[in-house]
Each structure stands twice: as structure tokens, then as C-alpha cells.
Amino acid sequence: MDNAVNELMFIAGPLLVPVLVWVVPAQGAVAVAGAAVLAGTALLLACPAVRQAEPAPPGRLRLAGPLTHRHTLLLLAIAAFGTFTFGCLRIATVASATTSGSAASAGLLMGLLSAGALLGTLGYGARAWPLSGGRLLVLLSLAEAAVLLGAAWAPGFVTLAVLITLAGLVTGPRDAAVPALLADHAPARYRTEVFAWLNTFMWAGYGLGTAVAGHLTGPHDTGATALAVAAAAAGAGALLAAVAGRLASPSAAPVAVPE
């Protein structure tokens, strides 16, 4: 549900911006975004669970923390590759929409991506899957790589829109599976800290993805290069997911975790 709400906001945001810009200056849209952040922070601080939370007991500082656990580190890297692809898509959709003659339709493509991710996330959470979370993660990452590679060679805007929606259908469950696997496999003493690291890895991957795709995309490019790079990142995520699955298997040798 957390992932579904996030995807819903990614749908609402791109659709709300053109409406706001139509009635207020562009700075007004930024001001609305800032007000939303303040409102969300206020709601968080007002939540009884937050106000009643006990501080963590004092202990020795571990800068690496969950990163000393190899399986956890691999899952965090998979999350970073996932947001790297999203950063590439942000650039690719703008480039594709611009070359098609309607730069404003980039918001439509991102809305379709998020709509697909919302449906995929709800479908993932609505049933029990016969595959383990690790194997499902491999298949979803491979499917994402195939769809993005096809999008890089899409013959037209409509085909691209369909493929972007399909990409959302597989990235939504993938993004929901990673936190679930972290909760299941991270050492108990790192269970809270690992989700702070998850946010760090995700935003780092997103920033790097937008930077790389922006560097590779010229003013008259279609976004195909950025989509191809996103497909390669998704393939790398599938490879890491396969390695993580082997580490998590019962037959795998135990991993020593430094204290």
C-alpha cells in the first residue's frame, strides 16, 4: 500500500502541474510542491506512532551498519539500479515527447508509467505468488529490461506510450518486492536503519540516472539512448537479484557479519 500511494502521487503530480501552470506562474507550482512537503511533514509529526516512539538505546556507532551484510547490500544496489532506470526514463520521455512535436506530452508518458506501476503494485499485493520473492525479482527485472529495450526502438509515440505503461506494470511490483525482501532478510539489529539506507540508495540511483541520461541525450535526440541505458541497468539489477537469491537460499553458506 505504501508503494501504491507513492505511485498514485506520481500520477497526480505530472497531471496537476499543467493545470497549475495554466492558472498561476510556474513558480506557483513549485510553491504548491513545497506546501505539500510541509503538510506531509506536519502530518507525520502529528502521528501518534511517531510521537510515542521510544528513542533507540545508546550503542556503538556503526557507519556501515546494514552495508556489512552482503545480501542486504545487494538488495540496496538493486533498488539503486531500479531508480537509475526511472531517472533515465524522466529524460527519455521528455526527449521523445519533444521530438514528437508535443513537449507537454512528457507528463502523459510519466503518468502512464505511474498508472501501470500502481496497477502492478496492487496486483502484486492482492495475491500470493507461487515464486519466491527473489525469483520474482529476477523475472520482473528481466521483463523491465526487455520492455525498455523495445521502447528504445519504438516506431512511434503511441507504441512508446504502450511500452512505458508495460514498464510500469513490472516496475511497480519490483519496487514493492525490494522493501519486503529487506524486511525479511536484513539482520534484526539493522531492521530500522536499513530503510534509511534504502532511501539513500534510491535517490542516489535516481540522481545518477538523470545525470547520465541527460549527458547522453542531445536537444534533438529521441531518448532512445537513455532508454537503452535504462534497459542495461535493469539487466544489471536482474543479475544482482540472481546473486542475492543464491545468497539467501538455504543451501548457501552462512555469511559472517562483522560486529
C-alpha atoms as a PDB file:
ATOM      1  CA  MET A   1       0.000   0.000   0.000  1.00  0.00           C
ATOM      2  CA  ASP A   2       2.901   2.350   0.712  1.00  0.00           C
ATOM      3  CA  ASN A   3       4.250   1.765  -2.780  1.00  0.00           C
ATOM      4  CA  ALA A   4       0.767   2.137  -4.288  1.00  0.00           C
ATOM      5  CA  VAL A   5       0.273   5.521  -2.616  1.00  0.00           C
ATOM      6  CA  ASN A   6       3.663   6.654  -3.902  1.00  0.00           C
ATOM      7  CA  GLU A   7       2.724   5.653  -7.435  1.00  0.00           C
ATOM      8  CA  LEU A   8      -0.623   7.433  -7.106  1.00  0.00           C
ATOM      9  CA  MET A   9       1.214  10.634  -6.226  1.00  0.00           C
ATOM     10  CA  PHE A  10       3.463  10.180  -9.258  1.00  0.00           C
ATOM     11  CA  ILE A  11       0.294  10.046 -11.362  1.00  0.00           C
ATOM     12  CA  ALA A  12      -1.299  13.070  -9.726  1.00  0.00           C
ATOM     13  CA  GLY A  13       1.839  15.235  -9.783  1.00  0.00           C
ATOM     14  CA  PRO A  14       2.533  15.356 -13.541  1.00  0.00           C
ATOM     15  CA  LEU A  15      -1.185  15.806 -14.246  1.00  0.00           C
ATOM     16  CA  LEU A  16      -1.533  18.608 -11.696  1.00  0.00           C
ATOM     17  CA  VAL A  17       1.429  20.664 -12.942  1.00  0.00           C
ATOM     18  CA  PRO A  18      -0.042  21.756 -16.309  1.00  0.00           C
ATOM     19  CA  VAL A  19      -3.279  22.708 -14.579  1.00  0.00           C
ATOM     20  CA  LEU A  20      -1.396  24.853 -12.072  1.00  0.00           C
ATOM     21  CA  VAL A  21       0.789  26.462 -14.745  1.00  0.00           C
ATOM     22  CA  TRP A  22      -2.386  27.301 -16.675  1.00  0.00           C
ATOM     23  CA  VAL A  23      -3.710  29.426 -13.791  1.00  0.00           C
ATOM     24  CA  VAL A  24      -0.561  30.540 -11.921  1.00  0.00           C
ATOM     25  CA  PRO A  25       3.083  31.263 -12.855  1.00  0.00           C
ATOM     26  CA  ALA A  26       5.494  28.333 -12.895  1.00  0.00           C
ATOM     27  CA  GLN A  27       6.833  29.443  -9.505  1.00  0.00           C
ATOM     28  CA  GLY A  28       3.343  28.790  -8.137  1.00  0.00           C
ATOM     29  CA  ALA A  29       3.634  25.090  -8.996  1.00  0.00           C
ATOM     30  CA  VAL A  30       6.924  24.933  -7.083  1.00  0.00           C
ATOM     31  CA  ALA A  31       5.267  26.701  -4.136  1.00  0.00           C
ATOM     32  CA  VAL A  32       2.438  24.129  -4.138  1.00  0.00           C
ATOM     33  CA  ALA A  33       5.026  21.334  -4.078  1.00  0.00           C
ATOM     34  CA  GLY A  34       6.751  22.967  -1.110  1.00  0.00           C
ATOM     35  CA  ALA A  35       3.428  23.348   0.705  1.00  0.00           C
ATOM     36  CA  ALA A  36       2.722  19.648   0.112  1.00  0.00           C
ATOM     37  CA  VAL A  37       6.066  18.738   1.709  1.00  0.00           C
ATOM     38  CA  LEU A  38       5.290  20.897   4.746  1.00  0.00           C
ATOM     39  CA  ALA A  39       1.796  19.406   5.060  1.00  0.00           C
ATOM     40  CA  GLY A  40       3.161  15.870   4.842  1.00  0.00           C
ATOM     41  CA  THR A  41       5.819  16.611   7.459  1.00  0.00           C
ATOM     42  CA  ALA A  42       3.202  18.096   9.789  1.00  0.00           C
ATOM     43  CA  LEU A  43       1.009  15.001   9.406  1.00  0.00           C
ATOM     44  CA  LEU A  44       3.988  12.772  10.159  1.00  0.00           C
ATOM     45  CA  LEU A  45       4.864  14.708  13.323  1.00  0.00           C
ATOM     46  CA  ALA A  46       1.225  14.599  14.439  1.00  0.00           C
ATOM     47  CA  CYS A  47       1.049  10.819  14.047  1.00  0.00           C
ATOM     48  CA  PRO A  48       0.718   9.142  17.486  1.00  0.00           C
ATOM     49  CA  ALA A  49       3.090   6.341  16.465  1.00  0.00           C
ATOM     50  CA  VAL A  50       5.816   8.921  15.805  1.00  0.00           C
ATOM     51  CA  ARG A  51       5.225  10.934  18.974  1.00  0.00           C
ATOM     52  CA  GLN A  52       5.156   7.810  21.163  1.00  0.00           C
ATOM     53  CA  ALA A  53       8.207   6.137  19.616  1.00  0.00           C
ATOM     54  CA  GLU A  54      10.971   5.387  22.086  1.00  0.00           C
ATOM     55  CA  PRO A  55      14.481   6.592  21.203  1.00  0.00           C
ATOM     56  CA  ALA A  56      16.943   3.911  20.198  1.00  0.00           C
ATOM     57  CA  PRO A  57      19.152   2.696  23.053  1.00  0.00           C
ATOM     58  CA  PRO A  58      22.663   4.152  23.009  1.00  0.00           C
ATOM     59  CA  GLY A  59      25.212   1.938  21.360  1.00  0.00           C
ATOM     60  CA  ARG A  60      28.420   1.887  19.451  1.00  0.00           C
ATOM     61  CA  LEU A  61      28.331   3.896  16.209  1.00  0.00           C
ATOM     62  CA  ARG A  62      28.494   1.740  13.083  1.00  0.00           C
ATOM     63  CA  LEU A  63      28.840   3.890   9.988  1.00  0.00           C
ATOM     64  CA  ALA A  64      28.447   0.947   7.619  1.00  0.00           C
ATOM     65  CA  GLY A  65      25.591  -0.673   9.528  1.00  0.00           C
ATOM     66  CA  PRO A  66      23.479  -2.839   7.175  1.00  0.00           C
ATOM     67  CA  LEU A  67      26.089  -2.477   4.429  1.00  0.00           C
ATOM     68  CA  THR A  68      28.205  -5.089   6.215  1.00  0.00           C
ATOM     69  CA  HIS A  69      25.574  -7.709   5.342  1.00  0.00           C
ATOM     70  CA  ARG A  70      26.146  -8.825   1.760  1.00  0.00           C
ATOM     71  CA  HIS A  71      22.578  -9.878   0.939  1.00  0.00           C
ATOM     72  CA  THR A  72      21.217  -6.581   2.264  1.00  0.00           C
ATOM     73  CA  LEU A  73      23.828  -4.624   0.308  1.00  0.00           C
ATOM     74  CA  LEU A  74      22.824  -6.418  -2.904  1.00  0.00           C
ATOM     75  CA  LEU A  75      19.151  -5.601  -2.353  1.00  0.00           C
ATOM     76  CA  LEU A  76      20.017  -1.940  -1.790  1.00  0.00           C
ATOM     77  CA  ALA A  77      22.062  -1.936  -5.002  1.00  0.00           C
ATOM     78  CA  ILE A  78      19.087  -3.466  -6.863  1.00  0.00           C
ATOM     79  CA  ALA A  79      16.918  -0.619  -5.570  1.00  0.00           C
ATOM     80  CA  ALA A  80      19.507   1.878  -6.842  1.00  0.00           C
ATOM     81  CA  PHE A  81      19.512   0.284 -10.295  1.00  0.00           C
ATOM     82  CA  GLY A  82      15.718   0.485 -10.298  1.00  0.00           C
ATOM     83  CA  THR A  83      15.675   4.212  -9.606  1.00  0.00           C
ATOM     84  CA  PHE A  84      18.535   4.678 -12.075  1.00  0.00           C
ATOM     85  CA  THR A  85      16.176   3.386 -14.774  1.00  0.00           C
ATOM     86  CA  PHE A  86      13.479   5.761 -13.540  1.00  0.00           C
ATOM     87  CA  GLY A  87      15.878   8.700 -13.796  1.00  0.00           C
ATOM     88  CA  CYS A  88      16.714   7.682 -17.372  1.00  0.00           C
ATOM     89  CA  LEU A  89      13.008   7.461 -18.162  1.00  0.00           C
ATOM     90  CA  ARG A  90      12.424  11.011 -16.925  1.00  0.00           C
ATOM     91  CA  ILE A  91      14.908  12.271 -19.507  1.00  0.00           C
ATOM     92  CA  ALA A  92      13.840   9.868 -22.257  1.00  0.00           C
ATOM     93  CA  THR A  93      10.156  10.776 -22.020  1.00  0.00           C
ATOM     94  CA  VAL A  94      10.917  14.492 -22.332  1.00  0.00           C
ATOM     95  CA  ALA A  95      13.169  13.870 -25.337  1.00  0.00           C
ATOM     96  CA  SER A  96      10.623  11.595 -27.015  1.00  0.00           C
ATOM     97  CA  ALA A  97       7.746  13.985 -26.402  1.00  0.00           C
ATOM     98  CA  THR A  98       9.761  16.933 -27.718  1.00  0.00           C
ATOM     99  CA  THR A  99      10.788  15.202 -30.941  1.00  0.00           C
ATOM    100  CA  SER A 100       7.188  14.075 -31.478  1.00  0.00           C
ATOM    101  CA  GLY A 101       6.132  17.729 -31.513  1.00  0.00           C
ATOM    102  CA  SER A 102       4.444  17.966 -28.104  1.00  0.00           C
ATOM    103  CA  ALA A 103       6.804  18.526 -25.180  1.00  0.00           C
ATOM    104  CA  ALA A 104       3.825  18.679 -22.803  1.00  0.00           C
ATOM    105  CA  SER A 105       3.013  15.021 -23.529  1.00  0.00           C
ATOM    106  CA  ALA A 106       6.038  14.015 -21.439  1.00  0.00           C
ATOM    107  CA  GLY A 107       3.771  14.395 -18.418  1.00  0.00           C
ATOM    108  CA  LEU A 108       1.331  11.982 -20.054  1.00  0.00           C
ATOM    109  CA  LEU A 109       4.077   9.379 -20.508  1.00  0.00           C
ATOM    110  CA  MET A 110       5.147   9.674 -16.871  1.00  0.00           C
ATOM    111  CA  GLY A 111       1.508   9.444 -15.808  1.00  0.00           C
ATOM    112  CA  LEU A 112       1.121   6.237 -17.839  1.00  0.00           C
ATOM    113  CA  LEU A 113       4.292   4.849 -16.241  1.00  0.00           C
ATOM    114  CA  SER A 114       2.934   5.546 -12.784  1.00  0.00           C
ATOM    115  CA  ALA A 115      -0.536   4.247 -13.647  1.00  0.00           C
ATOM    116  CA  GLY A 116       0.987   0.976 -14.817  1.00  0.00           C
ATOM    117  CA  ALA A 117       3.114   0.816 -11.664  1.00  0.00           C
ATOM    118  CA  LEU A 118       0.042   1.425  -9.486  1.00  0.00           C
ATOM    119  CA  LEU A 119      -1.877  -1.416 -11.148  1.00  0.00           C
ATOM    120  CA  GLY A 120       1.141  -3.699 -10.969  1.00  0.00           C
ATOM    121  CA  THR A 121       1.714  -2.926  -7.294  1.00  0.00           C
ATOM    122  CA  LEU A 122      -1.913  -3.588  -6.352  1.00  0.00           C
ATOM    123  CA  GLY A 123      -1.854  -6.822  -8.351  1.00  0.00           C
ATOM    124  CA  TYR A 124       1.349  -7.912  -6.633  1.00  0.00           C
ATOM    125  CA  GLY A 125      -0.071  -7.296  -3.179  1.00  0.00           C
ATOM    126  CA  ALA A 126      -3.504  -8.790  -3.876  1.00  0.00           C
ATOM    127  CA  ARG A 127      -2.408 -12.404  -4.190  1.00  0.00           C
ATOM    128  CA  ALA A 128       0.136 -14.958  -3.039  1.00  0.00           C
ATOM    129  CA  TRP A 129       2.675 -15.778  -5.745  1.00  0.00           C
ATOM    130  CA  PRO A 130       3.991 -19.315  -6.353  1.00  0.00           C
ATOM    131  CA  LEU A 131       7.508 -17.948  -6.877  1.00  0.00           C
ATOM    132  CA  SER A 132       9.774 -16.782  -4.080  1.00  0.00           C
ATOM    133  CA  GLY A 133      10.328 -13.051  -3.770  1.00  0.00           C
ATOM    134  CA  GLY A 134      13.898 -13.381  -5.030  1.00  0.00           C
ATOM    135  CA  ARG A 135      12.958 -15.302  -8.190  1.00  0.00           C
ATOM    136  CA  LEU A 136      10.086 -12.938  -8.877  1.00  0.00           C
ATOM    137  CA  LEU A 137      12.508 -10.039  -8.570  1.00  0.00           C
ATOM    138  CA  VAL A 138      14.771 -11.590 -11.212  1.00  0.00           C
ATOM    139  CA  LEU A 139      11.867 -12.138 -13.626  1.00  0.00           C
ATOM    140  CA  LEU A 140      10.471  -8.634 -13.116  1.00  0.00           C
ATOM    141  CA  SER A 141      13.878  -7.047 -13.710  1.00  0.00           C
ATOM    142  CA  LEU A 142      14.392  -9.092 -16.885  1.00  0.00           C
ATOM    143  CA  ALA A 143      10.925  -8.159 -18.120  1.00  0.00           C
ATOM    144  CA  GLU A 144      11.662  -4.493 -17.454  1.00  0.00           C
ATOM    145  CA  ALA A 145      14.922  -4.718 -19.405  1.00  0.00           C
ATOM    146  CA  ALA A 146      13.125  -6.302 -22.383  1.00  0.00           C
ATOM    147  CA  VAL A 147      10.339  -3.696 -22.388  1.00  0.00           C
ATOM    148  CA  LEU A 148      12.755  -0.766 -22.136  1.00  0.00           C
ATOM    149  CA  LEU A 149      14.916  -2.171 -24.909  1.00  0.00           C
ATOM    150  CA  GLY A 150      11.808  -2.392 -27.072  1.00  0.00           C
ATOM    151  CA  ALA A 151      10.900   1.182 -26.143  1.00  0.00           C
ATOM    152  CA  ALA A 152      14.308   2.342 -27.376  1.00  0.00           C
ATOM    153  CA  TRP A 153      13.312   1.105 -30.854  1.00  0.00           C
ATOM    154  CA  ALA A 154       9.634   2.113 -30.691  1.00  0.00           C
ATOM    155  CA  PRO A 155       8.490   3.266 -34.162  1.00  0.00           C
ATOM    156  CA  GLY A 156       6.097   5.926 -32.873  1.00  0.00           C
ATOM    157  CA  PHE A 157       4.757   7.821 -29.881  1.00  0.00           C
ATOM    158  CA  VAL A 158       1.725   5.555 -29.375  1.00  0.00           C
ATOM    159  CA  THR A 159       3.882   2.423 -29.316  1.00  0.00           C
ATOM    160  CA  LEU A 160       6.219   4.126 -26.872  1.00  0.00           C
ATOM    161  CA  ALA A 161       3.269   5.045 -24.626  1.00  0.00           C
ATOM    162  CA  VAL A 162       2.113   1.412 -24.554  1.00  0.00           C
ATOM    163  CA  LEU A 163       5.598   0.145 -23.727  1.00  0.00           C
ATOM    164  CA  ILE A 164       6.067   2.773 -20.996  1.00  0.00           C
ATOM    165  CA  THR A 165       2.801   1.591 -19.430  1.00  0.00           C
ATOM    166  CA  LEU A 166       4.031  -2.017 -19.581  1.00  0.00           C
ATOM    167  CA  ALA A 167       7.276  -0.909 -17.933  1.00  0.00           C
ATOM    168  CA  GLY A 168       5.223   0.489 -15.080  1.00  0.00           C
ATOM    169  CA  LEU A 169       3.356  -2.815 -14.712  1.00  0.00           C
ATOM    170  CA  VAL A 170       6.631  -4.600 -13.909  1.00  0.00           C
ATOM    171  CA  THR A 171       8.468  -1.843 -12.027  1.00  0.00           C
ATOM    172  CA  GLY A 172       5.626  -1.399  -9.531  1.00  0.00           C
ATOM    173  CA  PRO A 173       5.825  -4.983  -8.205  1.00  0.00           C
ATOM    174  CA  ARG A 174       9.628  -4.863  -8.324  1.00  0.00           C
ATOM    175  CA  ASP A 175       9.727  -1.708  -6.208  1.00  0.00           C
ATOM    176  CA  ALA A 176       7.305  -3.304  -3.747  1.00  0.00           C
ATOM    177  CA  ALA A 177       9.267  -6.569  -3.578  1.00  0.00           C
ATOM    178  CA  VAL A 178      12.587  -4.996  -2.610  1.00  0.00           C
ATOM    179  CA  PRO A 179      11.419  -3.488   0.735  1.00  0.00           C
ATOM    180  CA  ALA A 180       9.604  -6.745   1.542  1.00  0.00           C
ATOM    181  CA  LEU A 181      12.785  -8.735   0.944  1.00  0.00           C
ATOM    182  CA  LEU A 182      14.799  -6.269   3.010  1.00  0.00           C
ATOM    183  CA  ALA A 183      12.373  -6.656   5.898  1.00  0.00           C
ATOM    184  CA  ASP A 184      12.642 -10.455   5.657  1.00  0.00           C
ATOM    185  CA  HIS A 185      16.398 -10.805   5.271  1.00  0.00           C
ATOM    186  CA  ALA A 186      18.108  -7.812   6.910  1.00  0.00           C
ATOM    187  CA  PRO A 187      19.629  -8.629  10.324  1.00  0.00           C
ATOM    188  CA  ALA A 188      17.201  -7.756  13.113  1.00  0.00           C
ATOM    189  CA  ARG A 189      19.525  -5.166  14.649  1.00  0.00           C
ATOM    190  CA  TYR A 190      19.536  -3.255  11.324  1.00  0.00           C
ATOM    191  CA  ARG A 191      15.837  -3.608  10.553  1.00  0.00           C
ATOM    192  CA  THR A 192      15.058   0.102  11.051  1.00  0.00           C
ATOM    193  CA  GLU A 193      18.318   1.544   9.759  1.00  0.00           C
ATOM    194  CA  VAL A 194      18.146  -0.412   6.518  1.00  0.00           C
ATOM    195  CA  PHE A 195      15.130   1.579   5.325  1.00  0.00           C
ATOM    196  CA  ALA A 196      17.026   4.837   5.786  1.00  0.00           C
ATOM    197  CA  TRP A 197      19.753   3.332   3.602  1.00  0.00           C
ATOM    198  CA  LEU A 198      17.073   2.264   1.122  1.00  0.00           C
ATOM    199  CA  ASN A 199      16.014   5.876   0.616  1.00  0.00           C
ATOM    200  CA  THR A 200      19.658   6.916   0.247  1.00  0.00           C
ATOM    201  CA  PHE A 201      20.367   4.295  -2.414  1.00  0.00           C
ATOM    202  CA  MET A 202      17.140   5.035  -4.278  1.00  0.00           C
ATOM    203  CA  TRP A 203      17.717   8.786  -4.516  1.00  0.00           C
ATOM    204  CA  ALA A 204      21.388   8.266  -5.388  1.00  0.00           C
ATOM    205  CA  GLY A 205      20.368   5.943  -8.222  1.00  0.00           C
ATOM    206  CA  TYR A 206      17.725   8.377  -9.440  1.00  0.00           C
ATOM    207  CA  GLY A 207      20.157  11.309  -9.451  1.00  0.00           C
ATOM    208  CA  LEU A 208      22.826   9.319 -11.245  1.00  0.00           C
ATOM    209  CA  GLY A 209      20.307   8.063 -13.807  1.00  0.00           C
ATOM    210  CA  THR A 210      19.090  11.539 -14.692  1.00  0.00           C
ATOM    211  CA  ALA A 211      22.678  12.829 -14.885  1.00  0.00           C
ATOM    212  CA  VAL A 212      23.850  10.024 -17.180  1.00  0.00           C
ATOM    213  CA  ALA A 213      20.769  10.172 -19.409  1.00  0.00           C
ATOM    214  CA  GLY A 214      20.960  13.956 -19.593  1.00  0.00           C
ATOM    215  CA  HIS A 215      24.592  13.781 -20.647  1.00  0.00           C
ATOM    216  CA  LEU A 216      23.780  11.249 -23.380  1.00  0.00           C
ATOM    217  CA  THR A 217      20.667  12.988 -24.717  1.00  0.00           C
ATOM    218  CA  GLY A 218      21.062  15.925 -27.094  1.00  0.00           C
ATOM    219  CA  PRO A 219      18.426  18.570 -27.872  1.00  0.00           C
ATOM    220  CA  HIS A 220      17.222  16.685 -30.970  1.00  0.00           C
ATOM    221  CA  ASP A 221      17.534  13.107 -29.705  1.00  0.00           C
ATOM    222  CA  THR A 222      14.531  10.801 -29.380  1.00  0.00           C
ATOM    223  CA  GLY A 223      15.556   9.425 -25.989  1.00  0.00           C
ATOM    224  CA  ALA A 224      16.495   6.032 -27.467  1.00  0.00           C
ATOM    225  CA  THR A 225      19.980   6.132 -25.907  1.00  0.00           C
ATOM    226  CA  ALA A 226      18.583   6.901 -22.463  1.00  0.00           C
ATOM    227  CA  LEU A 227      16.089   4.036 -22.831  1.00  0.00           C
ATOM    228  CA  ALA A 228      18.865   1.644 -23.883  1.00  0.00           C
ATOM    229  CA  VAL A 229      20.927   2.659 -20.838  1.00  0.00           C
ATOM    230  CA  ALA A 230      17.861   2.135 -18.645  1.00  0.00           C
ATOM    231  CA  ALA A 231      17.432  -1.354 -20.141  1.00  0.00           C
ATOM    232  CA  ALA A 232      21.082  -2.154 -19.364  1.00  0.00           C
ATOM    233  CA  ALA A 233      20.598  -1.002 -15.755  1.00  0.00           C
ATOM    234  CA  ALA A 234      17.504  -3.195 -15.429  1.00  0.00           C
ATOM    235  CA  GLY A 235      19.506  -6.145 -16.755  1.00  0.00           C
ATOM    236  CA  ALA A 236      22.224  -5.447 -14.179  1.00  0.00           C
ATOM    237  CA  GLY A 237      19.536  -5.389 -11.492  1.00  0.00           C
ATOM    238  CA  ALA A 238      18.335  -8.823 -12.658  1.00  0.00           C
ATOM    239  CA  LEU A 239      21.885 -10.172 -12.393  1.00  0.00           C
ATOM    240  CA  LEU A 240      22.267  -8.809  -8.860  1.00  0.00           C
ATOM    241  CA  ALA A 241      18.854 -10.241  -7.935  1.00  0.00           C
ATOM    242  CA  ALA A 242      20.014 -13.687  -9.083  1.00  0.00           C
ATOM    243  CA  VAL A 243      23.166 -13.385  -6.960  1.00  0.00           C
ATOM    244  CA  ALA A 244      21.131 -12.188  -3.969  1.00  0.00           C
ATOM    245  CA  GLY A 245      18.797 -15.152  -4.405  1.00  0.00           C
ATOM    246  CA  ARG A 246      21.725 -17.563  -4.212  1.00  0.00           C
ATOM    247  CA  LEU A 247      22.979 -15.905  -1.031  1.00  0.00           C
ATOM    248  CA  ALA A 248      19.515 -16.174   0.525  1.00  0.00           C
ATOM    249  CA  SER A 249      18.954 -19.829  -0.444  1.00  0.00           C
ATOM    250  CA  PRO A 250      19.056 -22.345   2.405  1.00  0.00           C
ATOM    251  CA  SER A 251      21.953 -24.168   0.746  1.00  0.00           C
ATOM    252  CA  ALA A 252      24.095 -21.042   0.627  1.00  0.00           C
ATOM    253  CA  ALA A 253      26.984 -20.837   3.020  1.00  0.00           C
ATOM    254  CA  PRO A 254      26.382 -18.616   6.040  1.00  0.00           C
ATOM    255  CA  VAL A 255      27.732 -15.094   5.754  1.00  0.00           C
ATOM    256  CA  ALA A 256      29.765 -13.694   8.621  1.00  0.00           C
ATOM    257  CA  VAL A 257      28.622 -10.246   9.647  1.00  0.00           C
ATOM    258  CA  PRO A 258      31.256  -8.044  11.328  1.00  0.00           C
ATOM    259  CA  GLU A 259      30.232  -6.755  14.734  1.00  0.00           C
END
